[in-house]
Amino acid sequence: MMNLFDDPEKVIEYIKMSKGYNGRSLIEKLREYLPHGSSLLEIGMGPGKDLDILSEVYHATGSDRSKLFVNRYNAMHPNSEAVLLNAVDLNIDRTFQGIYSNKVLIHLNKNELEQSFQSQLNILETGGIAFHSFWRGDKEESFDGLRFVYYTIETISPLIPPKLKLIYHYNYKEDSDNDSFAIILKKI
């Protein structure tokens, strides 16, 4: 399947559309659970706005399945690291103390999300933290060939493997009241 973000025009369009958005408030919540200086993998970094913020606090590695986003970020930030990585299998040969994604896993169907959680379990160190945000709801839609799956804490909980313990979740507003939620998982 072609990745929408393998099209240079779509990448530029997305960068313009996402101007003014970042996950700083989410990262502030993550900081309550993941110690400063921890190794962290961001899944689906896109243009790298959250990766820049994460790098202020953590030894952050960015990842995306779009070569254009990865190459663009590495060219603009030669002292940082971004790698080509699929959010489902997370085929990387190292472990991390933290994993972060900001509305990236919404592009996975439930089976893929369950597989991603299992893959995260495999690359997360014991005691490590995974932080993910989602659109809140119970629908699935497609826009410009990109899938958007809305979840609730009730629909996402059964997909999380037992060794990834849900330790905190909260609803928040991105565009309208309680349209989003975040989960914090800990590998036990």
Foldseek 3Di string as FASTA:
>chain_A
DDDPLLDVVSLVVVVVVCPPDDCPVLVVVVCVQAPFAWEEEEEACRQNPHVVVVVVGYLYEYEYQHPVSQVNVCVVPVPHHYYHADLQQRPDDAATLEYEYEAPCQQPDLVSSLSSLVNNLVRHDAFGKYKYKAFADQDWDDDPNTIGGHYDCVRCVVSHDPQWAFDDKDFCDDPDGRRMMMTMTGGD
